Amino acid sequence: TQLKEHPNYDEFWKSRGIIQHLENIEPAVMTVGG
């Protein structure tokens, strides 16, 4: 239902993104990907 009701990048999707909150991070971080 959410996929159908939010076809555009509206506040529903924006609020669920974590990237925009990644500032003033203190722990050590090792990001891994393929």
PDB file of all heavy atoms in Angstrom:
ATOM      1  N   THR A   1       0.839  -1.209   0.000  1.00  0.00           N
ATOM      2  CA  THR A   1       0.000   0.000   0.000  1.00  0.00           C
ATOM      3  C   THR A   1       0.867   1.249   0.000  1.00  0.00           C
ATOM      4  O   THR A   1       0.594   2.222  -0.719  1.00  0.00           O
ATOM      5  CB  THR A   1      -0.925  -0.004   1.235  1.00  0.00           C
ATOM      6  OG1 THR A   1      -1.748  -1.172   1.190  1.00  0.00           O
ATOM      7  CG2 THR A   1      -1.804   1.237   1.250  1.00  0.00           C
ATOM      8  N   GLN A   2       1.938   1.249   0.792  1.00  0.00           N
ATOM      9  CA  GLN A   2       2.832   2.405   0.856  1.00  0.00           C
ATOM     10  C   GLN A   2       3.534   2.652  -0.478  1.00  0.00           C
ATOM     11  O   GLN A   2       3.665   3.802  -0.920  1.00  0.00           O
ATOM     12  CB  GLN A   2       3.866   2.193   1.965  1.00  0.00           C
ATOM     13  CG  GLN A   2       3.275   2.231   3.363  1.00  0.00           C
ATOM     14  CD  GLN A   2       4.198   1.631   4.413  1.00  0.00           C
ATOM     15  OE1 GLN A   2       5.212   0.996   4.078  1.00  0.00           O
ATOM     16  NE2 GLN A   2       3.856   1.798   5.680  1.00  0.00           N
ATOM     17  N   LEU A   3       3.974   1.585  -1.128  1.00  0.00           N
ATOM     18  CA  LEU A   3       4.620   1.733  -2.430  1.00  0.00           C
ATOM     19  C   LEU A   3       3.681   2.394  -3.431  1.00  0.00           C
ATOM     20  O   LEU A   3       4.090   3.270  -4.212  1.00  0.00           O
ATOM     21  CB  LEU A   3       5.054   0.361  -2.950  1.00  0.00           C
ATOM     22  CG  LEU A   3       6.268  -0.287  -2.277  1.00  0.00           C
ATOM     23  CD1 LEU A   3       6.351  -1.765  -2.642  1.00  0.00           C
ATOM     24  CD2 LEU A   3       7.553   0.427  -2.675  1.00  0.00           C
ATOM     25  N   LYS A   4       2.415   1.997  -3.422  1.00  0.00           N
ATOM     26  CA  LYS A   4       1.441   2.542  -4.370  1.00  0.00           C
ATOM     27  C   LYS A   4       1.064   3.984  -4.040  1.00  0.00           C
ATOM     28  O   LYS A   4       0.859   4.805  -4.938  1.00  0.00           O
ATOM     29  CB  LYS A   4       0.192   1.667  -4.390  1.00  0.00           C
ATOM     30  CG  LYS A   4       0.426   0.266  -4.948  1.00  0.00           C
ATOM     31  CD  LYS A   4      -0.880  -0.490  -5.128  1.00  0.00           C
ATOM     32  CE  LYS A   4      -1.589  -0.713  -3.812  1.00  0.00           C
ATOM     33  NZ  LYS A   4      -2.868  -1.432  -3.981  1.00  0.00           N
ATOM     34  N   GLU A   5       0.964   4.284  -2.746  1.00  0.00           N
ATOM     35  CA  GLU A   5       0.517   5.616  -2.338  1.00  0.00           C
ATOM     36  C   GLU A   5       1.619   6.663  -2.386  1.00  0.00           C
ATOM     37  O   GLU A   5       1.337   7.862  -2.335  1.00  0.00           O
ATOM     38  CB  GLU A   5      -0.065   5.546  -0.928  1.00  0.00           C
ATOM     39  CG  GLU A   5      -1.387   4.778  -0.846  1.00  0.00           C
ATOM     40  CD  GLU A   5      -1.941   4.727   0.560  1.00  0.00           C
ATOM     41  OE1 GLU A   5      -1.207   5.109   1.508  1.00  0.00           O
ATOM     42  OE2 GLU A   5      -3.107   4.298   0.726  1.00  0.00           O
ATOM     43  N   HIS A   6       2.862   6.218  -2.499  1.00  0.00           N
ATOM     44  CA  HIS A   6       3.989   7.156  -2.489  1.00  0.00           C
ATOM     45  C   HIS A   6       4.920   6.880  -3.668  1.00  0.00           C
ATOM     46  O   HIS A   6       6.059   6.434  -3.486  1.00  0.00           O
ATOM     47  CB  HIS A   6       4.740   7.050  -1.160  1.00  0.00           C
ATOM     48  CG  HIS A   6       3.884   7.313   0.040  1.00  0.00           C
ATOM     49  ND1 HIS A   6       3.586   8.594   0.471  1.00  0.00           N
ATOM     50  CD2 HIS A   6       3.243   6.458   0.877  1.00  0.00           C
ATOM     51  CE1 HIS A   6       2.808   8.514   1.545  1.00  0.00           C
ATOM     52  NE2 HIS A   6       2.586   7.234   1.803  1.00  0.00           N
ATOM     53  N   PRO A   7       4.455   7.138  -4.902  1.00  0.00           N
ATOM     54  CA  PRO A   7       5.287   6.851  -6.074  1.00  0.00           C
ATOM     55  C   PRO A   7       6.434   7.838  -6.253  1.00  0.00           C
ATOM     56  O   PRO A   7       7.373   7.552  -6.997  1.00  0.00           O
ATOM     57  CB  PRO A   7       4.290   6.960  -7.237  1.00  0.00           C
ATOM     58  CG  PRO A   7       3.271   7.950  -6.740  1.00  0.00           C
ATOM     59  CD  PRO A   7       3.124   7.670  -5.272  1.00  0.00           C
ATOM     60  N   ASN A   8       6.349   9.003  -5.584  1.00  0.00           N
ATOM     61  CA  ASN A   8       7.378  10.033  -5.701  1.00  0.00           C
ATOM     62  C   ASN A   8       8.177  10.123  -4.405  1.00  0.00           C
ATOM     63  O   ASN A   8       7.787   9.578  -3.371  1.00  0.00           O
ATOM     64  CB  ASN A   8       6.739  11.390  -6.011  1.00  0.00           C
ATOM     65  CG  ASN A   8       5.837  11.330  -7.234  1.00  0.00           C
ATOM     66  OD1 ASN A   8       6.114  10.581  -8.185  1.00  0.00           O
ATOM     67  ND2 ASN A   8       4.775  12.100  -7.223  1.00  0.00           N
ATOM     68  N   TYR A   9       9.277  10.849  -4.460  1.00  0.00           N
ATOM     69  CA  TYR A   9      10.142  11.001  -3.287  1.00  0.00           C
ATOM     70  C   TYR A   9       9.557  12.079  -2.381  1.00  0.00           C
ATOM     71  O   TYR A   9      10.043  13.194  -2.301  1.00  0.00           O
ATOM     72  CB  TYR A   9      11.553  11.358  -3.725  1.00  0.00           C
ATOM     73  CG  TYR A   9      12.608  11.202  -2.650  1.00  0.00           C
ATOM     74  CD1 TYR A   9      12.687  10.043  -1.890  1.00  0.00           C
ATOM     75  CD2 TYR A   9      13.542  12.203  -2.417  1.00  0.00           C
ATOM     76  CE1 TYR A   9      13.656   9.887  -0.917  1.00  0.00           C
ATOM     77  CE2 TYR A   9      14.523  12.054  -1.446  1.00  0.00           C
ATOM     78  CZ  TYR A   9      14.574  10.898  -0.694  1.00  0.00           C
ATOM     79  OH  TYR A   9      15.544  10.754   0.277  1.00  0.00           O
ATOM     80  N   ASP A  10       8.503  11.681  -1.656  1.00  0.00           N
ATOM     81  CA  ASP A  10       7.812  12.616  -0.765  1.00  0.00           C
ATOM     82  C   ASP A  10       8.330  12.455   0.660  1.00  0.00           C
ATOM     83  O   ASP A  10       9.306  11.745   0.917  1.00  0.00           O
ATOM     84  CB  ASP A  10       6.299  12.404  -0.842  1.00  0.00           C
ATOM     85  CG  ASP A  10       5.876  10.974  -0.479  1.00  0.00           C
ATOM     86  OD1 ASP A  10       6.708  10.214   0.058  1.00  0.00           O
ATOM     87  OD2 ASP A  10       4.715  10.617  -0.746  1.00  0.00           O
ATOM     88  N   GLU A  11       7.668  13.106   1.600  1.00  0.00           N
ATOM     89  CA  GLU A  11       8.130  13.086   2.985  1.00  0.00           C
ATOM     90  C   GLU A  11       8.126  11.684   3.570  1.00  0.00           C
ATOM     91  O   GLU A  11       8.927  11.368   4.465  1.00  0.00           O
ATOM     92  CB  GLU A  11       7.268  14.027   3.837  1.00  0.00           C
ATOM     93  CG  GLU A  11       7.788  14.253   5.249  1.00  0.00           C
ATOM     94  CD  GLU A  11       9.207  14.790   5.278  1.00  0.00           C
ATOM     95  OE1 GLU A  11       9.594  15.551   4.357  1.00  0.00           O
ATOM     96  OE2 GLU A  11       9.953  14.456   6.219  1.00  0.00           O
ATOM     97  N   PHE A  12       7.238  10.827   3.078  1.00  0.00           N
ATOM     98  CA  PHE A  12       7.202   9.450   3.569  1.00  0.00           C
ATOM     99  C   PHE A  12       8.550   8.781   3.369  1.00  0.00           C
ATOM    100  O   PHE A  12       9.101   8.163   4.296  1.00  0.00           O
ATOM    101  CB  PHE A  12       6.107   8.662   2.844  1.00  0.00           C
ATOM    102  CG  PHE A  12       6.081   7.200   3.195  1.00  0.00           C
ATOM    103  CD1 PHE A  12       5.420   6.764   4.336  1.00  0.00           C
ATOM    104  CD2 PHE A  12       6.722   6.255   2.400  1.00  0.00           C
ATOM    105  CE1 PHE A  12       5.398   5.409   4.679  1.00  0.00           C
ATOM    106  CE2 PHE A  12       6.707   4.910   2.726  1.00  0.00           C
ATOM    107  CZ  PHE A  12       6.041   4.491   3.867  1.00  0.00           C
ATOM    108  N   TRP A  13       9.124   8.869   2.164  1.00  0.00           N
ATOM    109  CA  TRP A  13      10.413   8.254   1.879  1.00  0.00           C
ATOM    110  C   TRP A  13      11.552   9.054   2.486  1.00  0.00           C
ATOM    111  O   TRP A  13      12.506   8.481   3.037  1.00  0.00           O
ATOM    112  CB  TRP A  13      10.623   8.121   0.368  1.00  0.00           C
ATOM    113  CG  TRP A  13       9.645   7.208  -0.305  1.00  0.00           C
ATOM    114  CD1 TRP A  13       8.697   7.549  -1.217  1.00  0.00           C
ATOM    115  CD2 TRP A  13       9.509   5.790  -0.113  1.00  0.00           C
ATOM    116  NE1 TRP A  13       7.979   6.449  -1.611  1.00  0.00           N
ATOM    117  CE2 TRP A  13       8.451   5.357  -0.946  1.00  0.00           C
ATOM    118  CE3 TRP A  13      10.166   4.858   0.684  1.00  0.00           C
ATOM    119  CZ2 TRP A  13       8.062   4.023  -1.009  1.00  0.00           C
ATOM    120  CZ3 TRP A  13       9.768   3.537   0.624  1.00  0.00           C
ATOM    121  CH2 TRP A  13       8.732   3.116  -0.214  1.00  0.00           C
ATOM    122  N   LYS A  14      11.488  10.366   2.372  1.00  0.00           N
ATOM    123  CA  LYS A  14      12.581  11.192   2.883  1.00  0.00           C
ATOM    124  C   LYS A  14      12.799  10.964   4.372  1.00  0.00           C
ATOM    125  O   LYS A  14      13.937  10.899   4.841  1.00  0.00           O
ATOM    126  CB  LYS A  14      12.278  12.673   2.622  1.00  0.00           C
ATOM    127  CG  LYS A  14      12.326  13.075   1.161  1.00  0.00           C
ATOM    128  CD  LYS A  14      11.948  14.540   0.986  1.00  0.00           C
ATOM    129  CE  LYS A  14      11.941  14.937  -0.473  1.00  0.00           C
ATOM    130  NZ  LYS A  14      11.520  16.350  -0.675  1.00  0.00           N
ATOM    131  N   SER A  15      11.719  10.861   5.134  1.00  0.00           N
ATOM    132  CA  SER A  15      11.844  10.706   6.581  1.00  0.00           C
ATOM    133  C   SER A  15      12.458   9.358   6.949  1.00  0.00           C
ATOM    134  O   SER A  15      13.061   9.221   8.021  1.00  0.00           O
ATOM    135  CB  SER A  15      10.467  10.844   7.246  1.00  0.00           C
ATOM    136  OG  SER A  15       9.614   9.761   6.903  1.00  0.00           O
ATOM    137  N   ARG A  16      12.307   8.369   6.065  1.00  0.00           N
ATOM    138  CA  ARG A  16      12.832   7.040   6.365  1.00  0.00           C
ATOM    139  C   ARG A  16      14.280   6.860   5.932  1.00  0.00           C
ATOM    140  O   ARG A  16      14.925   5.870   6.296  1.00  0.00           O
ATOM    141  CB  ARG A  16      11.952   5.978   5.701  1.00  0.00           C
ATOM    142  CG  ARG A  16      10.678   5.715   6.480  1.00  0.00           C
ATOM    143  CD  ARG A  16       9.595   5.046   5.674  1.00  0.00           C
ATOM    144  NE  ARG A  16       8.543   4.548   6.548  1.00  0.00           N
ATOM    145  CZ  ARG A  16       7.660   5.326   7.179  1.00  0.00           C
ATOM    146  NH1 ARG A  16       7.704   6.643   7.010  1.00  0.00           N
ATOM    147  NH2 ARG A  16       6.734   4.799   7.976  1.00  0.00           N
ATOM    148  N   GLY A  17      14.794   7.776   5.162  1.00  0.00           N
ATOM    149  CA  GLY A  17      16.205   7.722   4.786  1.00  0.00           C
ATOM    150  C   GLY A  17      17.084   8.016   5.994  1.00  0.00           C
ATOM    151  O   GLY A  17      16.768   8.884   6.807  1.00  0.00           O
ATOM    152  N   ILE A  18      18.200   7.313   6.099  1.00  0.00           N
ATOM    153  CA  ILE A  18      19.104   7.504   7.229  1.00  0.00           C
ATOM    154  C   ILE A  18      20.292   8.393   6.865  1.00  0.00           C
ATOM    155  O   ILE A  18      20.926   8.999   7.739  1.00  0.00           O
ATOM    156  CB  ILE A  18      19.595   6.130   7.744  1.00  0.00           C
ATOM    157  CG1 ILE A  18      20.160   6.241   9.162  1.00  0.00           C
ATOM    158  CG2 ILE A  18      20.613   5.513   6.802  1.00  0.00           C
ATOM    159  CD1 ILE A  18      19.141   6.410  10.227  1.00  0.00           C
ATOM    160  N   ILE A  19      20.582   8.513   5.573  1.00  0.00           N
ATOM    161  CA  ILE A  19      21.796   9.199   5.120  1.00  0.00           C
ATOM    162  C   ILE A  19      21.858  10.647   5.607  1.00  0.00           C
ATOM    163  O   ILE A  19      22.903  11.128   6.057  1.00  0.00           O
ATOM    164  CB  ILE A  19      21.893   9.164   3.578  1.00  0.00           C
ATOM    165  CG1 ILE A  19      21.919   7.708   3.069  1.00  0.00           C
ATOM    166  CG2 ILE A  19      23.120   9.921   3.099  1.00  0.00           C
ATOM    167  CD1 ILE A  19      23.088   6.892   3.540  1.00  0.00           C
ATOM    168  N   GLN A  20      20.732  11.357   5.537  1.00  0.00           N
ATOM    169  CA  GLN A  20      20.743  12.785   5.863  1.00  0.00           C
ATOM    170  C   GLN A  20      21.041  13.067   7.326  1.00  0.00           C
ATOM    171  O   GLN A  20      21.359  14.197   7.691  1.00  0.00           O
ATOM    172  CB  GLN A  20      19.403  13.441   5.478  1.00  0.00           C
ATOM    173  CG  GLN A  20      18.196  12.953   6.261  1.00  0.00           C
ATOM    174  CD  GLN A  20      17.461  11.831   5.565  1.00  0.00           C
ATOM    175  OE1 GLN A  20      18.084  11.039   4.863  1.00  0.00           O
ATOM    176  NE2 GLN A  20      16.155  11.752   5.745  1.00  0.00           N
ATOM    177  N   HIS A  21      20.960  12.051   8.176  1.00  0.00           N
ATOM    178  CA  HIS A  21      21.186  12.241   9.615  1.00  0.00           C
ATOM    179  C   HIS A  21      22.616  11.925  10.039  1.00  0.00           C
ATOM    180  O   HIS A  21      22.942  12.058  11.227  1.00  0.00           O
ATOM    181  CB  HIS A  21      20.215  11.362  10.404  1.00  0.00           C
ATOM    182  CG  HIS A  21      18.776  11.674  10.146  1.00  0.00           C
ATOM    183  ND1 HIS A  21      18.196  12.885  10.481  1.00  0.00           N
ATOM    184  CD2 HIS A  21      17.795  10.935   9.567  1.00  0.00           C
ATOM    185  CE1 HIS A  21      16.925  12.876  10.122  1.00  0.00           C
ATOM    186  NE2 HIS A  21      16.651  11.702   9.566  1.00  0.00           N
ATOM    187  N   LEU A  22      23.466  11.530   9.106  1.00  0.00           N
ATOM    188  CA  LEU A  22      24.811  11.070   9.467  1.00  0.00           C
ATOM    189  C   LEU A  22      25.780  12.237   9.596  1.00  0.00           C
ATOM    190  O   LEU A  22      26.618  12.498   8.724  1.00  0.00           O
ATOM    191  CB  LEU A  22      25.305  10.044   8.432  1.00  0.00           C
ATOM    192  CG  LEU A  22      24.455   8.775   8.339  1.00  0.00           C
ATOM    193  CD1 LEU A  22      25.001   7.851   7.260  1.00  0.00           C
ATOM    194  CD2 LEU A  22      24.392   8.053   9.682  1.00  0.00           C
ATOM    195  N   GLU A  23      25.684  12.931  10.703  1.00  0.00           N
ATOM    196  CA  GLU A  23      26.593  14.041  10.988  1.00  0.00           C
ATOM    197  C   GLU A  23      26.996  14.004  12.458  1.00  0.00           C
ATOM    198  O   GLU A  23      26.281  13.470  13.304  1.00  0.00           O
ATOM    199  CB  GLU A  23      25.936  15.374  10.659  1.00  0.00           C
ATOM    200  CG  GLU A  23      24.646  15.645  11.395  1.00  0.00           C
ATOM    201  CD  GLU A  23      23.993  16.941  10.940  1.00  0.00           C
ATOM    202  OE1 GLU A  23      24.589  17.635  10.092  1.00  0.00           O
ATOM    203  OE2 GLU A  23      22.901  17.248  11.431  1.00  0.00           O
ATOM    204  N   ASN A  24      28.186  14.523  12.736  1.00  0.00           N
ATOM    205  CA  ASN A  24      28.734  14.541  14.098  1.00  0.00           C
ATOM    206  C   ASN A  24      28.762  13.144  14.718  1.00  0.00           C
ATOM    207  O   ASN A  24      28.482  12.958  15.903  1.00  0.00           O
ATOM    208  CB  ASN A  24      27.943  15.504  14.982  1.00  0.00           C
ATOM    209  CG  ASN A  24      27.955  16.926  14.454  1.00  0.00           C
ATOM    210  OD1 ASN A  24      28.988  17.400  13.977  1.00  0.00           O
ATOM    211  ND2 ASN A  24      26.824  17.601  14.508  1.00  0.00           N
ATOM    212  N   ILE A  25      29.103  12.170  13.891  1.00  0.00           N
ATOM    213  CA  ILE A  25      29.211  10.788  14.355  1.00  0.00           C
ATOM    214  C   ILE A  25      30.504  10.632  15.160  1.00  0.00           C
ATOM    215  O   ILE A  25      31.561  11.101  14.744  1.00  0.00           O
ATOM    216  CB  ILE A  25      29.201   9.810  13.161  1.00  0.00           C
ATOM    217  CG1 ILE A  25      27.896   9.972  12.352  1.00  0.00           C
ATOM    218  CG2 ILE A  25      29.383   8.385  13.622  1.00  0.00           C
ATOM    219  CD1 ILE A  25      26.633   9.720  13.119  1.00  0.00           C
ATOM    220  N   GLU A  26      30.430   9.945  16.299  1.00  0.00           N
ATOM    221  CA  GLU A  26      31.607   9.783  17.157  1.00  0.00           C
ATOM    222  C   GLU A  26      32.224   8.385  17.133  1.00  0.00           C
ATOM    223  O   GLU A  26      33.446   8.261  17.151  1.00  0.00           O
ATOM    224  CB  GLU A  26      31.263  10.187  18.590  1.00  0.00           C
ATOM    225  CG  GLU A  26      30.924  11.670  18.714  1.00  0.00           C
ATOM    226  CD  GLU A  26      30.694  12.107  20.151  1.00  0.00           C
ATOM    227  OE1 GLU A  26      30.847  11.266  21.061  1.00  0.00           O
ATOM    228  OE2 GLU A  26      30.369  13.287  20.363  1.00  0.00           O
ATOM    229  N   PRO A  27      31.444   7.287  17.136  1.00  0.00           N
ATOM    230  CA  PRO A  27      32.083   5.965  17.087  1.00  0.00           C
ATOM    231  C   PRO A  27      32.883   5.766  15.798  1.00  0.00           C
ATOM    232  O   PRO A  27      32.624   6.403  14.767  1.00  0.00           O
ATOM    233  CB  PRO A  27      30.893   5.001  17.145  1.00  0.00           C
ATOM    234  CG  PRO A  27      29.778   5.786  17.744  1.00  0.00           C
ATOM    235  CD  PRO A  27      29.974   7.185  17.256  1.00  0.00           C
ATOM    236  N   ALA A  28      33.871   4.867  15.851  1.00  0.00           N
ATOM    237  CA  ALA A  28      34.607   4.491  14.648  1.00  0.00           C
ATOM    238  C   ALA A  28      33.681   3.722  13.712  1.00  0.00           C
ATOM    239  O   ALA A  28      32.855   2.926  14.162  1.00  0.00           O
ATOM    240  CB  ALA A  28      35.810   3.636  15.021  1.00  0.00           C
ATOM    241  N   VAL A  29      33.836   3.961  12.411  1.00  0.00           N
ATOM    242  CA  VAL A  29      32.955   3.332  11.430  1.00  0.00           C
ATOM    243  C   VAL A  29      33.779   2.700  10.309  1.00  0.00           C
ATOM    244  O   VAL A  29      34.696   3.324   9.768  1.00  0.00           O
ATOM    245  CB  VAL A  29      31.968   4.353  10.821  1.00  0.00           C
ATOM    246  CG1 VAL A  29      31.043   3.669   9.811  1.00  0.00           C
ATOM    247  CG2 VAL A  29      31.148   5.042  11.907  1.00  0.00           C
ATOM    248  N   MET A  30      33.443   1.472   9.977  1.00  0.00           N
ATOM    249  CA  MET A  30      33.987   0.815   8.792  1.00  0.00           C
ATOM    250  C   MET A  30      32.809   0.349   7.946  1.00  0.00           C
ATOM    251  O   MET A  30      32.121  -0.614   8.281  1.00  0.00           O
ATOM    252  CB  MET A  30      34.869  -0.381   9.148  1.00  0.00           C
ATOM    253  CG  MET A  30      35.465  -1.056   7.903  1.00  0.00           C
ATOM    254  SD  MET A  30      36.557  -2.454   8.278  1.00  0.00           S
ATOM    255  CE  MET A  30      35.367  -3.651   8.866  1.00  0.00           C
ATOM    256  N   THR A  31      32.548   1.047   6.844  1.00  0.00           N
ATOM    257  CA  THR A  31      31.463   0.690   5.938  1.00  0.00           C
ATOM    258  C   THR A  31      31.988  -0.315   4.910  1.00  0.00           C
ATOM    259  O   THR A  31      33.075  -0.134   4.355  1.00  0.00           O
ATOM    260  CB  THR A  31      30.911   1.940   5.235  1.00  0.00           C
ATOM    261  OG1 THR A  31      30.529   2.901   6.213  1.00  0.00           O
ATOM    262  CG2 THR A  31      29.712   1.593   4.372  1.00  0.00           C
ATOM    263  N   VAL A  32      31.207  -1.357   4.662  1.00  0.00           N
ATOM    264  CA  VAL A  32      31.642  -2.441   3.781  1.00  0.00           C
ATOM    265  C   VAL A  32      30.593  -2.667   2.694  1.00  0.00           C
ATOM    266  O   VAL A  32      29.388  -2.607   2.968  1.00  0.00           O
ATOM    267  CB  VAL A  32      31.854  -3.746   4.572  1.00  0.00           C
ATOM    268  CG1 VAL A  32      32.323  -4.868   3.651  1.00  0.00           C
ATOM    269  CG2 VAL A  32      32.866  -3.525   5.702  1.00  0.00           C
ATOM    270  N   GLY A  33      31.052  -2.923   1.486  1.00  0.00           N
ATOM    271  CA  GLY A  33      30.118  -3.203   0.410  1.00  0.00           C
ATOM    272  C   GLY A  33      30.731  -4.077  -0.665  1.00  0.00           C
ATOM    273  O   GLY A  33      31.944  -4.332  -0.681  1.00  0.00           O
ATOM    274  N   GLY A  34      29.895  -4.540  -1.564  1.00  0.00           N
ATOM    275  CA  GLY A  34      30.334  -5.342  -2.701  1.00  0.00           C
ATOM    276  C   GLY A  34      30.203  -4.546  -3.984  1.00  0.00           C
ATOM    277  O   GLY A  34      29.155  -3.934  -4.242  1.00  0.00           O
TER     278      GLY A  34
END
